[in-house]
Amino acid sequence: MVVQLRRETPDYPDLTPHQDYVVIGIEAGDFRILNDQGRPYLYPTDLFDVVDLHEPDDWVTEYGEDGERYAYPPVLNDVGFFEDFFDANAKAVATFWHVVNQRLAAAATAA
């Protein structure tokens, strides 16, 4: 899935208007994307237009108690994965970049 920031917003200076971003996952309805600093943060979906709706076939999708959607590649879907990533756990960091580099390469060849 590829999205594009609709317009500049002061709440999110780490995103560029009209820039394409590959969605890494969906968490509680928010998109997890690599921002302009290369950090995988969550952003509200209403900031973006969807450029390519195709989601990877291997995403694991689950729904929370209130119907909120969670979807990630299997290895990024473990509870606490992103906490480990942001705590600089070497295994989580290596796993994350391996998966993301594959996704970015696939998105580039699809474009």
PDB file of N, CA and C in Angstrom:
ATOM      1  N   MET A   1       0.858  -1.171   0.000  1.00  0.00           N
ATOM      2  CA  MET A   1       0.000   0.000   0.000  1.00  0.00           C
ATOM      3  C   MET A   1       0.901   1.229   0.000  1.00  0.00           C
ATOM      4  N   VAL A   2       0.523   2.185  -0.832  1.00  0.00           N
ATOM      5  CA  VAL A   2       1.267   3.440  -0.920  1.00  0.00           C
ATOM      6  C   VAL A   2       0.283   4.582  -0.696  1.00  0.00           C
ATOM      7  N   VAL A   3       0.694   5.531   0.140  1.00  0.00           N
ATOM      8  CA  VAL A   3      -0.138   6.694   0.440  1.00  0.00           C
ATOM      9  C   VAL A   3       0.644   7.965   0.163  1.00  0.00           C
ATOM     10  N   GLN A   4      -0.087   9.068   0.092  1.00  0.00           N
ATOM     11  CA  GLN A   4       0.533  10.368  -0.180  1.00  0.00           C
ATOM     12  C   GLN A   4      -0.070  11.396   0.776  1.00  0.00           C
ATOM     13  N   LEU A   5       0.801  12.166   1.413  1.00  0.00           N
ATOM     14  CA  LEU A   5       0.342  13.210   2.321  1.00  0.00           C
ATOM     15  C   LEU A   5      -0.414  14.274   1.520  1.00  0.00           C
ATOM     16  N   ARG A   6      -1.627  14.590   1.960  1.00  0.00           N
ATOM     17  CA  ARG A   6      -2.481  15.535   1.220  1.00  0.00           C
ATOM     18  C   ARG A   6      -1.921  16.944   1.202  1.00  0.00           C
ATOM     19  N   ARG A   7      -1.538  17.422   2.372  1.00  0.00           N
ATOM     20  CA  ARG A   7      -1.070  18.811   2.474  1.00  0.00           C
ATOM     21  C   ARG A   7      -0.172  18.945   3.704  1.00  0.00           C
ATOM     22  N   GLU A   8       0.590  20.010   3.701  1.00  0.00           N
ATOM     23  CA  GLU A   8       1.467  20.297   4.842  1.00  0.00           C
ATOM     24  C   GLU A   8       0.622  20.518   6.084  1.00  0.00           C
ATOM     25  N   THR A   9       1.084  19.959   7.180  1.00  0.00           N
ATOM     26  CA  THR A   9       0.382  20.140   8.445  1.00  0.00           C
ATOM     27  C   THR A   9       1.406  20.377   9.552  1.00  0.00           C
ATOM     28  N   PRO A  10       1.219  21.425  10.339  1.00  0.00           N
ATOM     29  CA  PRO A  10       2.207  21.746  11.375  1.00  0.00           C
ATOM     30  C   PRO A  10       2.351  20.662  12.446  1.00  0.00           C
ATOM     31  N   ASP A  11       1.335  19.828  12.602  1.00  0.00           N
ATOM     32  CA  ASP A  11       1.422  18.750  13.590  1.00  0.00           C
ATOM     33  C   ASP A  11       2.380  17.647  13.170  1.00  0.00           C
ATOM     34  N   TYR A  12       2.686  17.584  11.872  1.00  0.00           N
ATOM     35  CA  TYR A  12       3.542  16.517  11.352  1.00  0.00           C
ATOM     36  C   TYR A  12       4.606  17.097  10.419  1.00  0.00           C
ATOM     37  N   PRO A  13       5.572  17.833  10.979  1.00  0.00           N
ATOM     38  CA  PRO A  13       6.607  18.445  10.141  1.00  0.00           C
ATOM     39  C   PRO A  13       7.578  17.424   9.547  1.00  0.00           C
ATOM     40  N   ASP A  14       7.480  16.169   9.998  1.00  0.00           N
ATOM     41  CA  ASP A  14       8.367  15.113   9.517  1.00  0.00           C
ATOM     42  C   ASP A  14       7.819  14.398   8.284  1.00  0.00           C
ATOM     43  N   LEU A  15       6.775  14.978   7.666  1.00  0.00           N
ATOM     44  CA  LEU A  15       6.193  14.442   6.437  1.00  0.00           C
ATOM     45  C   LEU A  15       6.154  15.524   5.373  1.00  0.00           C
ATOM     46  N   THR A  16       6.284  15.128   4.113  1.00  0.00           N
ATOM     47  CA  THR A  16       6.315  16.063   2.998  1.00  0.00           C
ATOM     48  C   THR A  16       5.041  15.947   2.171  1.00  0.00           C
ATOM     49  N   PRO A  17       4.369  17.067   1.909  1.00  0.00           N
ATOM     50  CA  PRO A  17       3.158  17.022   1.084  1.00  0.00           C
ATOM     51  C   PRO A  17       3.439  16.422  -0.298  1.00  0.00           C
ATOM     52  N   HIS A  18       2.489  15.618  -0.757  1.00  0.00           N
ATOM     53  CA  HIS A  18       2.523  14.989  -2.083  1.00  0.00           C
ATOM     54  C   HIS A  18       3.645  13.968  -2.239  1.00  0.00           C
ATOM     55  N   GLN A  19       4.279  13.606  -1.153  1.00  0.00           N
ATOM     56  CA  GLN A  19       5.321  12.572  -1.147  1.00  0.00           C
ATOM     57  C   GLN A  19       4.647  11.207  -1.000  1.00  0.00           C
ATOM     58  N   ASP A  20       5.101  10.218  -1.770  1.00  0.00           N
ATOM     59  CA  ASP A  20       4.610   8.858  -1.608  1.00  0.00           C
ATOM     60  C   ASP A  20       5.301   8.206  -0.415  1.00  0.00           C
ATOM     61  N   TYR A  21       4.519   7.462   0.374  1.00  0.00           N
ATOM     62  CA  TYR A  21       5.041   6.712   1.510  1.00  0.00           C
ATOM     63  C   TYR A  21       4.496   5.287   1.436  1.00  0.00           C
ATOM     64  N   VAL A  22       5.375   4.305   1.605  1.00  0.00           N
ATOM     65  CA  VAL A  22       4.961   2.904   1.642  1.00  0.00           C
ATOM     66  C   VAL A  22       4.460   2.596   3.053  1.00  0.00           C
ATOM     67  N   VAL A  23       3.267   2.041   3.140  1.00  0.00           N
ATOM     68  CA  VAL A  23       2.701   1.677   4.442  1.00  0.00           C
ATOM     69  C   VAL A  23       3.331   0.361   4.878  1.00  0.00           C
ATOM     70  N   ILE A  24       3.924   0.385   6.065  1.00  0.00           N
ATOM     71  CA  ILE A  24       4.578  -0.789   6.630  1.00  0.00           C
ATOM     72  C   ILE A  24       3.570  -1.659   7.360  1.00  0.00           C
ATOM     73  N   GLY A  25       2.557  -1.009   7.932  1.00  0.00           N
ATOM     74  CA  GLY A  25       1.524  -1.721   8.666  1.00  0.00           C
ATOM     75  C   GLY A  25       0.426  -0.769   9.071  1.00  0.00           C
ATOM     76  N   ILE A  26      -0.607  -1.340   9.651  1.00  0.00           N
ATOM     77  CA  ILE A  26      -1.748  -0.561  10.138  1.00  0.00           C
ATOM     78  C   ILE A  26      -1.943  -0.939  11.596  1.00  0.00           C
ATOM     79  N   GLU A  27      -2.055   0.082  12.437  1.00  0.00           N
ATOM     80  CA  GLU A  27      -2.191  -0.168  13.874  1.00  0.00           C
ATOM     81  C   GLU A  27      -3.287   0.716  14.441  1.00  0.00           C
ATOM     82  N   ALA A  28      -4.334   0.071  14.925  1.00  0.00           N
ATOM     83  CA  ALA A  28      -5.501   0.782  15.466  1.00  0.00           C
ATOM     84  C   ALA A  28      -6.033   1.792  14.449  1.00  0.00           C
ATOM     85  N   GLY A  29      -5.953   1.403  13.180  1.00  0.00           N
ATOM     86  CA  GLY A  29      -6.463   2.259  12.119  1.00  0.00           C
ATOM     87  C   GLY A  29      -5.475   3.292  11.608  1.00  0.00           C
ATOM     88  N   ASP A  30      -4.343   3.491  12.271  1.00  0.00           N
ATOM     89  CA  ASP A  30      -3.325   4.432  11.801  1.00  0.00           C
ATOM     90  C   ASP A  30      -2.351   3.716  10.872  1.00  0.00           C
ATOM     91  N   PHE A  31      -1.740   4.481   9.960  1.00  0.00           N
ATOM     92  CA  PHE A  31      -0.708   3.938   9.081  1.00  0.00           C
ATOM     93  C   PHE A  31       0.650   4.044   9.759  1.00  0.00           C
ATOM     94  N   ARG A  32       1.417   2.959   9.710  1.00  0.00           N
ATOM     95  CA  ARG A  32       2.821   3.042  10.126  1.00  0.00           C
ATOM     96  C   ARG A  32       3.632   3.193   8.842  1.00  0.00           C
ATOM     97  N   ILE A  33       4.328   4.329   8.749  1.00  0.00           N
ATOM     98  CA  ILE A  33       5.160   4.608   7.581  1.00  0.00           C
ATOM     99  C   ILE A  33       6.525   5.099   8.046  1.00  0.00           C
ATOM    100  N   LEU A  34       7.489   5.063   7.136  1.00  0.00           N
ATOM    101  CA  LEU A  34       8.780   5.684   7.415  1.00  0.00           C
ATOM    102  C   LEU A  34       8.628   7.159   7.102  1.00  0.00           C
ATOM    103  N   ASN A  35       8.847   8.000   8.112  1.00  0.00           N
ATOM    104  CA  ASN A  35       8.745   9.444   7.871  1.00  0.00           C
ATOM    105  C   ASN A  35      10.012   9.937   7.165  1.00  0.00           C
ATOM    106  N   ASP A  36      10.123  11.242   6.982  1.00  0.00           N
ATOM    107  CA  ASP A  36      11.252  11.806   6.247  1.00  0.00           C
ATOM    108  C   ASP A  36      12.589  11.615   6.952  1.00  0.00           C
ATOM    109  N   GLN A  37      12.572  11.282   8.229  1.00  0.00           N
ATOM    110  CA  GLN A  37      13.795  10.987   8.967  1.00  0.00           C
ATOM    111  C   GLN A  37      14.084   9.487   8.999  1.00  0.00           C
ATOM    112  N   GLY A  38      13.251   8.693   8.309  1.00  0.00           N
ATOM    113  CA  GLY A  38      13.456   7.252   8.262  1.00  0.00           C
ATOM    114  C   GLY A  38      13.005   6.523   9.511  1.00  0.00           C
ATOM    115  N   ARG A  39      12.106   7.129  10.268  1.00  0.00           N
ATOM    116  CA  ARG A  39      11.590   6.506  11.495  1.00  0.00           C
ATOM    117  C   ARG A  39      10.193   5.957  11.242  1.00  0.00           C
ATOM    118  N   PRO A  40       9.894   4.751  11.738  1.00  0.00           N
ATOM    119  CA  PRO A  40       8.602   4.116  11.477  1.00  0.00           C
ATOM    120  C   PRO A  40       7.531   4.523  12.494  1.00  0.00           C
ATOM    121  N   TYR A  41       6.923   5.667  12.266  1.00  0.00           N
ATOM    122  CA  TYR A  41       5.917   6.167  13.204  1.00  0.00           C
ATOM    123  C   TYR A  41       4.506   5.952  12.678  1.00  0.00           C
ATOM    124  N   LEU A  42       3.554   6.092  13.588  1.00  0.00           N
ATOM    125  CA  LEU A  42       2.140   5.978  13.257  1.00  0.00           C
ATOM    126  C   LEU A  42       1.559   7.348  12.939  1.00  0.00           C
ATOM    127  N   TYR A  43       0.710   7.391  11.908  1.00  0.00           N
ATOM    128  CA  TYR A  43       0.066   8.637  11.492  1.00  0.00           C
ATOM    129  C   TYR A  43      -1.400   8.368  11.177  1.00  0.00           C
ATOM    130  N   PRO A  44      -2.275   9.328  11.482  1.00  0.00           N
ATOM    131  CA  PRO A  44      -3.701   9.156  11.182  1.00  0.00           C
ATOM    132  C   PRO A  44      -3.937   8.985   9.683  1.00  0.00           C
ATOM    133  N   THR A  45      -4.813   8.072   9.348  1.00  0.00           N
ATOM    134  CA  THR A  45      -5.077   7.782   7.934  1.00  0.00           C
ATOM    135  C   THR A  45      -5.698   8.957   7.201  1.00  0.00           C
ATOM    136  N   ASP A  46      -6.402   9.839   7.918  1.00  0.00           N
ATOM    137  CA  ASP A  46      -7.076  10.944   7.223  1.00  0.00           C
ATOM    138  C   ASP A  46      -6.112  12.019   6.713  1.00  0.00           C
ATOM    139  N   LEU A  47      -4.824  11.888   6.993  1.00  0.00           N
ATOM    140  CA  LEU A  47      -3.823  12.811   6.453  1.00  0.00           C
ATOM    141  C   LEU A  47      -3.448  12.469   5.013  1.00  0.00           C
ATOM    142  N   PHE A  48      -3.823  11.278   4.576  1.00  0.00           N
ATOM    143  CA  PHE A  48      -3.289  10.727   3.338  1.00  0.00           C
ATOM    144  C   PHE A  48      -4.364  10.395   2.313  1.00  0.00           C
ATOM    145  N   ASP A  49      -3.941  10.422   1.056  1.00  0.00           N
ATOM    146  CA  ASP A  49      -4.695   9.821  -0.034  1.00  0.00           C
ATOM    147  C   ASP A  49      -4.006   8.503  -0.353  1.00  0.00           C
ATOM    148  N   VAL A  50      -4.786   7.481  -0.639  1.00  0.00           N
ATOM    149  CA  VAL A  50      -4.211   6.196  -1.006  1.00  0.00           C
ATOM    150  C   VAL A  50      -3.875   6.225  -2.498  1.00  0.00           C
ATOM    151  N   VAL A  51      -2.609   5.981  -2.804  1.00  0.00           N
ATOM    152  CA  VAL A  51      -2.124   5.976  -4.182  1.00  0.00           C
ATOM    153  C   VAL A  51      -2.222   4.562  -4.759  1.00  0.00           C
ATOM    154  N   ASP A  52      -1.886   3.568  -3.941  1.00  0.00           N
ATOM    155  CA  ASP A  52      -1.950   2.161  -4.335  1.00  0.00           C
ATOM    156  C   ASP A  52      -2.550   1.390  -3.171  1.00  0.00           C
ATOM    157  N   LEU A  53      -3.740   0.847  -3.367  1.00  0.00           N
ATOM    158  CA  LEU A  53      -4.497   0.173  -2.312  1.00  0.00           C
ATOM    159  C   LEU A  53      -4.001  -1.242  -2.029  1.00  0.00           C
ATOM    160  N   HIS A  54      -3.149  -1.784  -2.893  1.00  0.00           N
ATOM    161  CA  HIS A  54      -2.705  -3.167  -2.748  1.00  0.00           C
ATOM    162  C   HIS A  54      -1.907  -3.352  -1.456  1.00  0.00           C
ATOM    163  N   GLU A  55      -2.364  -4.285  -0.632  1.00  0.00           N
ATOM    164  CA  GLU A  55      -1.648  -4.656   0.589  1.00  0.00           C
ATOM    165  C   GLU A  55      -0.921  -5.968   0.340  1.00  0.00           C
ATOM    166  N   PRO A  56       0.252  -6.141   0.944  1.00  0.00           N
ATOM    167  CA  PRO A  56       0.973  -7.405   0.776  1.00  0.00           C
ATOM    168  C   PRO A  56       0.103  -8.594   1.205  1.00  0.00           C
ATOM    169  N   ASP A  57       0.225  -9.680   0.463  1.00  0.00           N
ATOM    170  CA  ASP A  57      -0.593 -10.866   0.722  1.00  0.00           C
ATOM    171  C   ASP A  57      -0.297 -11.521   2.066  1.00  0.00           C
ATOM    172  N   ASP A  58       0.885 -11.291   2.601  1.00  0.00           N
ATOM    173  CA  ASP A  58       1.257 -11.987   3.834  1.00  0.00           C
ATOM    174  C   ASP A  58       0.905 -11.220   5.111  1.00  0.00           C
ATOM    175  N   TRP A  59       0.292 -10.038   4.990  1.00  0.00           N
ATOM    176  CA  TRP A  59      -0.064  -9.313   6.204  1.00  0.00           C
ATOM    177  C   TRP A  59      -1.018 -10.125   7.058  1.00  0.00           C
ATOM    178  N   VAL A  60      -0.781 -10.115   8.356  1.00  0.00           N
ATOM    179  CA  VAL A  60      -1.673 -10.731   9.325  1.00  0.00           C
ATOM    180  C   VAL A  60      -2.598  -9.629   9.820  1.00  0.00           C
ATOM    181  N   THR A  61      -3.904  -9.833   9.673  1.00  0.00           N
ATOM    182  CA  THR A  61      -4.870  -8.820  10.098  1.00  0.00           C
ATOM    183  C   THR A  61      -5.652  -9.311  11.301  1.00  0.00           C
ATOM    184  N   GLU A  62      -5.750  -8.449  12.297  1.00  0.00           N
ATOM    185  CA  GLU A  62      -6.528  -8.720  13.504  1.00  0.00           C
ATOM    186  C   GLU A  62      -7.348  -7.485  13.815  1.00  0.00           C
ATOM    187  N   TYR A  63      -8.376  -7.647  14.629  1.00  0.00           N
ATOM    188  CA  TYR A  63      -9.233  -6.529  15.006  1.00  0.00           C
ATOM    189  C   TYR A  63      -9.316  -6.455  16.523  1.00  0.00           C
ATOM    190  N   GLY A  64      -9.254  -5.224  17.031  1.00  0.00           N
ATOM    191  CA  GLY A  64      -9.353  -4.999  18.462  1.00  0.00           C
ATOM    192  C   GLY A  64     -10.804  -5.048  18.926  1.00  0.00           C
ATOM    193  N   GLU A  65     -10.985  -4.849  20.208  1.00  0.00           N
ATOM    194  CA  GLU A  65     -12.325  -4.926  20.818  1.00  0.00           C
ATOM    195  C   GLU A  65     -13.302  -3.917  20.228  1.00  0.00           C
ATOM    196  N   ASP A  66     -12.803  -2.779  19.796  1.00  0.00           N
ATOM    197  CA  ASP A  66     -13.664  -1.746  19.235  1.00  0.00           C
ATOM    198  C   ASP A  66     -13.683  -1.775  17.708  1.00  0.00           C
ATOM    199  N   GLY A  67     -13.181  -2.853  17.116  1.00  0.00           N
ATOM    200  CA  GLY A  67     -13.190  -3.001  15.670  1.00  0.00           C
ATOM    201  C   GLY A  67     -12.016  -2.356  14.968  1.00  0.00           C
ATOM    202  N   GLU A  68     -11.049  -1.806  15.725  1.00  0.00           N
ATOM    203  CA  GLU A  68      -9.886  -1.185  15.104  1.00  0.00           C
ATOM    204  C   GLU A  68      -8.998  -2.266  14.478  1.00  0.00           C
ATOM    205  N   ARG A  69      -8.421  -1.928  13.354  1.00  0.00           N
ATOM    206  CA  ARG A  69      -7.658  -2.894  12.571  1.00  0.00           C
ATOM    207  C   ARG A  69      -6.170  -2.821  12.874  1.00  0.00           C
ATOM    208  N   TYR A  70      -5.565  -4.002  12.917  1.00  0.00           N
ATOM    209  CA  TYR A  70      -4.122  -4.154  13.058  1.00  0.00           C
ATOM    210  C   TYR A  70      -3.663  -5.087  11.939  1.00  0.00           C
ATOM    211  N   ALA A  71      -2.704  -4.657  11.136  1.00  0.00           N
ATOM    212  CA  ALA A  71      -2.217  -5.488  10.035  1.00  0.00           C
ATOM    213  C   ALA A  71      -0.728  -5.236   9.835  1.00  0.00           C
ATOM    214  N   TYR A  72       0.027  -6.313   9.879  1.00  0.00           N
ATOM    215  CA  TYR A  72       1.481  -6.241   9.711  1.00  0.00           C
ATOM    216  C   TYR A  72       1.979  -7.520   9.046  1.00  0.00           C
ATOM    217  N   PRO A  73       3.185  -7.465   8.480  1.00  0.00           N
ATOM    218  CA  PRO A  73       3.825  -8.712   8.075  1.00  0.00           C
ATOM    219  C   PRO A  73       4.012  -9.585   9.325  1.00  0.00           C
ATOM    220  N   PRO A  74       3.992 -10.896   9.168  1.00  0.00           N
ATOM    221  CA  PRO A  74       4.040 -11.783  10.345  1.00  0.00           C
ATOM    222  C   PRO A  74       5.145 -11.474  11.351  1.00  0.00           C
ATOM    223  N   VAL A  75       6.369 -11.216  10.889  1.00  0.00           N
ATOM    224  CA  VAL A  75       7.477 -11.011  11.834  1.00  0.00           C
ATOM    225  C   VAL A  75       7.407  -9.674  12.566  1.00  0.00           C
ATOM    226  N   LEU A  76       6.634  -8.726  12.044  1.00  0.00           N
ATOM    227  CA  LEU A  76       6.468  -7.440  12.727  1.00  0.00           C
ATOM    228  C   LEU A  76       5.202  -7.416  13.573  1.00  0.00           C
ATOM    229  N   ASN A  77       4.464  -8.511  13.562  1.00  0.00           N
ATOM    230  CA  ASN A  77       3.154  -8.562  14.207  1.00  0.00           C
ATOM    231  C   ASN A  77       3.211  -9.044  15.652  1.00  0.00           C
ATOM    232  N   ASP A  78       4.367  -9.434  16.130  1.00  0.00           N
ATOM    233  CA  ASP A  78       4.469  -9.919  17.506  1.00  0.00           C
ATOM    234  C   ASP A  78       4.190  -8.794  18.501  1.00  0.00           C
ATOM    235  N   VAL A  79       3.490  -9.124  19.562  1.00  0.00           N
ATOM    236  CA  VAL A  79       3.218  -8.149  20.619  1.00  0.00           C
ATOM    237  C   VAL A  79       4.551  -7.636  21.154  1.00  0.00           C
ATOM    238  N   GLY A  80       4.696  -6.339  21.225  1.00  0.00           N
ATOM    239  CA  GLY A  80       5.912  -5.731  21.752  1.00  0.00           C
ATOM    240  C   GLY A  80       7.022  -5.551  20.743  1.00  0.00           C
ATOM    241  N   PHE A  81       6.790  -5.922  19.476  1.00  0.00           N
ATOM    242  CA  PHE A  81       7.864  -5.809  18.491  1.00  0.00           C
ATOM    243  C   PHE A  81       8.379  -4.381  18.373  1.00  0.00           C
ATOM    244  N   PHE A  82       7.469  -3.416  18.216  1.00  0.00           N
ATOM    245  CA  PHE A  82       7.925  -2.043  18.012  1.00  0.00           C
ATOM    246  C   PHE A  82       8.493  -1.424  19.289  1.00  0.00           C
ATOM    247  N   GLU A  83       8.077  -1.889  20.437  1.00  0.00           N
ATOM    248  CA  GLU A  83       8.722  -1.448  21.672  1.00  0.00           C
ATOM    249  C   GLU A  83      10.175  -1.901  21.669  1.00  0.00           C
ATOM    250  N   ASP A  84      10.397  -3.168  21.264  1.00  0.00           N
ATOM    251  CA  ASP A  84      11.768  -3.672  21.173  1.00  0.00           C
ATOM    252  C   ASP A  84      12.567  -2.884  20.136  1.00  0.00           C
ATOM    253  N   PHE A  85      11.939  -2.580  19.006  1.00  0.00           N
ATOM    254  CA  PHE A  85      12.621  -1.810  17.964  1.00  0.00           C
ATOM    255  C   PHE A  85      13.058  -0.452  18.503  1.00  0.00           C
ATOM    256  N   PHE A  86      12.134   0.273  19.131  1.00  0.00           N
ATOM    257  CA  PHE A  86      12.464   1.609  19.625  1.00  0.00           C
ATOM    258  C   PHE A  86      13.391   1.574  20.835  1.00  0.00           C
ATOM    259  N   ASP A  87      13.476   0.414  21.512  1.00  0.00           N
ATOM    260  CA  ASP A  87      14.453   0.239  22.587  1.00  0.00           C
ATOM    261  C   ASP A  87      15.812  -0.195  22.040  1.00  0.00           C
ATOM    262  N   ALA A  88      15.935  -0.239  20.709  1.00  0.00           N
ATOM    263  CA  ALA A  88      17.181  -0.584  20.012  1.00  0.00           C
ATOM    264  C   ALA A  88      17.620  -2.029  20.245  1.00  0.00           C
ATOM    265  N   ASN A  89      16.658  -2.924  20.439  1.00  0.00           N
ATOM    266  CA  ASN A  89      16.962  -4.342  20.521  1.00  0.00           C
ATOM    267  C   ASN A  89      17.536  -4.764  19.159  1.00  0.00           C
ATOM    268  N   ALA A  90      18.757  -5.283  19.157  1.00  0.00           N
ATOM    269  CA  ALA A  90      19.469  -5.569  17.907  1.00  0.00           C
ATOM    270  C   ALA A  90      18.694  -6.518  16.998  1.00  0.00           C
ATOM    271  N   LYS A  91      18.094  -7.544  17.551  1.00  0.00           N
ATOM    272  CA  LYS A  91      17.345  -8.504  16.730  1.00  0.00           C
ATOM    273  C   LYS A  91      16.122  -7.832  16.100  1.00  0.00           C
ATOM    274  N   ALA A  92      15.392  -7.036  16.873  1.00  0.00           N
ATOM    275  CA  ALA A  92      14.211  -6.350  16.348  1.00  0.00           C
ATOM    276  C   ALA A  92      14.594  -5.345  15.271  1.00  0.00           C
ATOM    277  N   VAL A  93      15.672  -4.612  15.493  1.00  0.00           N
ATOM    278  CA  VAL A  93      16.126  -3.622  14.509  1.00  0.00           C
ATOM    279  C   VAL A  93      16.530  -4.319  13.210  1.00  0.00           C
ATOM    280  N   ALA A  94      17.291  -5.390  13.297  1.00  0.00           N
ATOM    281  CA  ALA A  94      17.716  -6.122  12.104  1.00  0.00           C
ATOM    282  C   ALA A  94      16.520  -6.718  11.367  1.00  0.00           C
ATOM    283  N   THR A  95      15.590  -7.293  12.107  1.00  0.00           N
ATOM    284  CA  THR A  95      14.389  -7.870  11.504  1.00  0.00           C
ATOM    285  C   THR A  95      13.571  -6.799  10.810  1.00  0.00           C
ATOM    286  N   PHE A  96      13.384  -5.674  11.482  1.00  0.00           N
ATOM    287  CA  PHE A  96      12.604  -4.584  10.903  1.00  0.00           C
ATOM    288  C   PHE A  96      13.192  -4.136   9.575  1.00  0.00           C
ATOM    289  N   TRP A  97      14.477  -3.834   9.553  1.00  0.00           N
ATOM    290  CA  TRP A  97      15.090  -3.311   8.334  1.00  0.00           C
ATOM    291  C   TRP A  97      15.131  -4.354   7.223  1.00  0.00           C
ATOM    292  N   HIS A  98      15.260  -5.613   7.566  1.00  0.00           N
ATOM    293  CA  HIS A  98      15.207  -6.666   6.556  1.00  0.00           C
ATOM    294  C   HIS A  98      13.835  -6.671   5.872  1.00  0.00           C
ATOM    295  N   VAL A  99      12.768  -6.659   6.671  1.00  0.00           N
ATOM    296  CA  VAL A  99      11.407  -6.671   6.129  1.00  0.00           C
ATOM    297  C   VAL A  99      11.116  -5.389   5.353  1.00  0.00           C
ATOM    298  N   VAL A 100      11.471  -4.249   5.920  1.00  0.00           N
ATOM    299  CA  VAL A 100      11.166  -2.967   5.268  1.00  0.00           C
ATOM    300  C   VAL A 100      11.931  -2.818   3.959  1.00  0.00           C
ATOM    301  N   ASN A 101      13.181  -3.217   3.921  1.00  0.00           N
ATOM    302  CA  ASN A 101      13.947  -3.133   2.672  1.00  0.00           C
ATOM    303  C   ASN A 101      13.318  -3.998   1.581  1.00  0.00           C
ATOM    304  N   GLN A 102      12.812  -5.163   1.950  1.00  0.00           N
ATOM    305  CA  GLN A 102      12.107  -6.013   0.981  1.00  0.00           C
ATOM    306  C   GLN A 102      10.851  -5.309   0.474  1.00  0.00           C
ATOM    307  N   ARG A 103      10.088  -4.690   1.384  1.00  0.00           N
ATOM    308  CA  ARG A 103       8.840  -4.011   1.003  1.00  0.00           C
ATOM    309  C   ARG A 103       9.124  -2.805   0.103  1.00  0.00           C
ATOM    310  N   LEU A 104      10.149  -2.047   0.440  1.00  0.00           N
ATOM    311  CA  LEU A 104      10.490  -0.878  -0.377  1.00  0.00           C
ATOM    312  C   LEU A 104      10.950  -1.297  -1.767  1.00  0.00           C
ATOM    313  N   ALA A 105      11.724  -2.359  -1.837  1.00  0.00           N
ATOM    314  CA  ALA A 105      12.174  -2.861  -3.137  1.00  0.00           C
ATOM    315  C   ALA A 105      10.982  -3.333  -3.976  1.00  0.00           C
ATOM    316  N   ALA A 106      10.057  -4.033  -3.343  1.00  0.00           N
ATOM    317  CA  ALA A 106       8.871  -4.510  -4.058  1.00  0.00           C
ATOM    318  C   ALA A 106       8.015  -3.344  -4.536  1.00  0.00           C
ATOM    319  N   ALA A 107       7.881  -2.313  -3.710  1.00  0.00           N
ATOM    320  CA  ALA A 107       7.091  -1.135  -4.089  1.00  0.00           C
ATOM    321  C   ALA A 107       7.747  -0.406  -5.239  1.00  0.00           C
ATOM    322  N   ALA A 108       9.073  -0.343  -5.250  1.00  0.00           N
ATOM    323  CA  ALA A 108       9.794   0.351  -6.319  1.00  0.00           C
ATOM    324  C   ALA A 108       9.628  -0.363  -7.656  1.00  0.00           C
ATOM    325  N   THR A 109       9.641  -1.699  -7.634  1.00  0.00           N
ATOM    326  CA  THR A 109       9.497  -2.445  -8.878  1.00  0.00           C
ATOM    327  C   THR A 109       8.051  -2.431  -9.373  1.00  0.00           C
ATOM    328  N   ALA A 110       7.100  -2.248  -8.462  1.00  0.00           N
ATOM    329  CA  ALA A 110       5.684  -2.194  -8.846  1.00  0.00           C
ATOM    330  C   ALA A 110       5.315  -0.852  -9.443  1.00  0.00           C
ATOM    331  N   ALA A 111       6.090   0.181  -9.133  1.00  0.00           N
ATOM    332  CA  ALA A 111       5.769   1.550  -9.583  1.00  0.00           C
ATOM    333  C   ALA A 111       6.064   1.792 -11.030  1.00  0.00           C
TER     334      ALA A 111
END
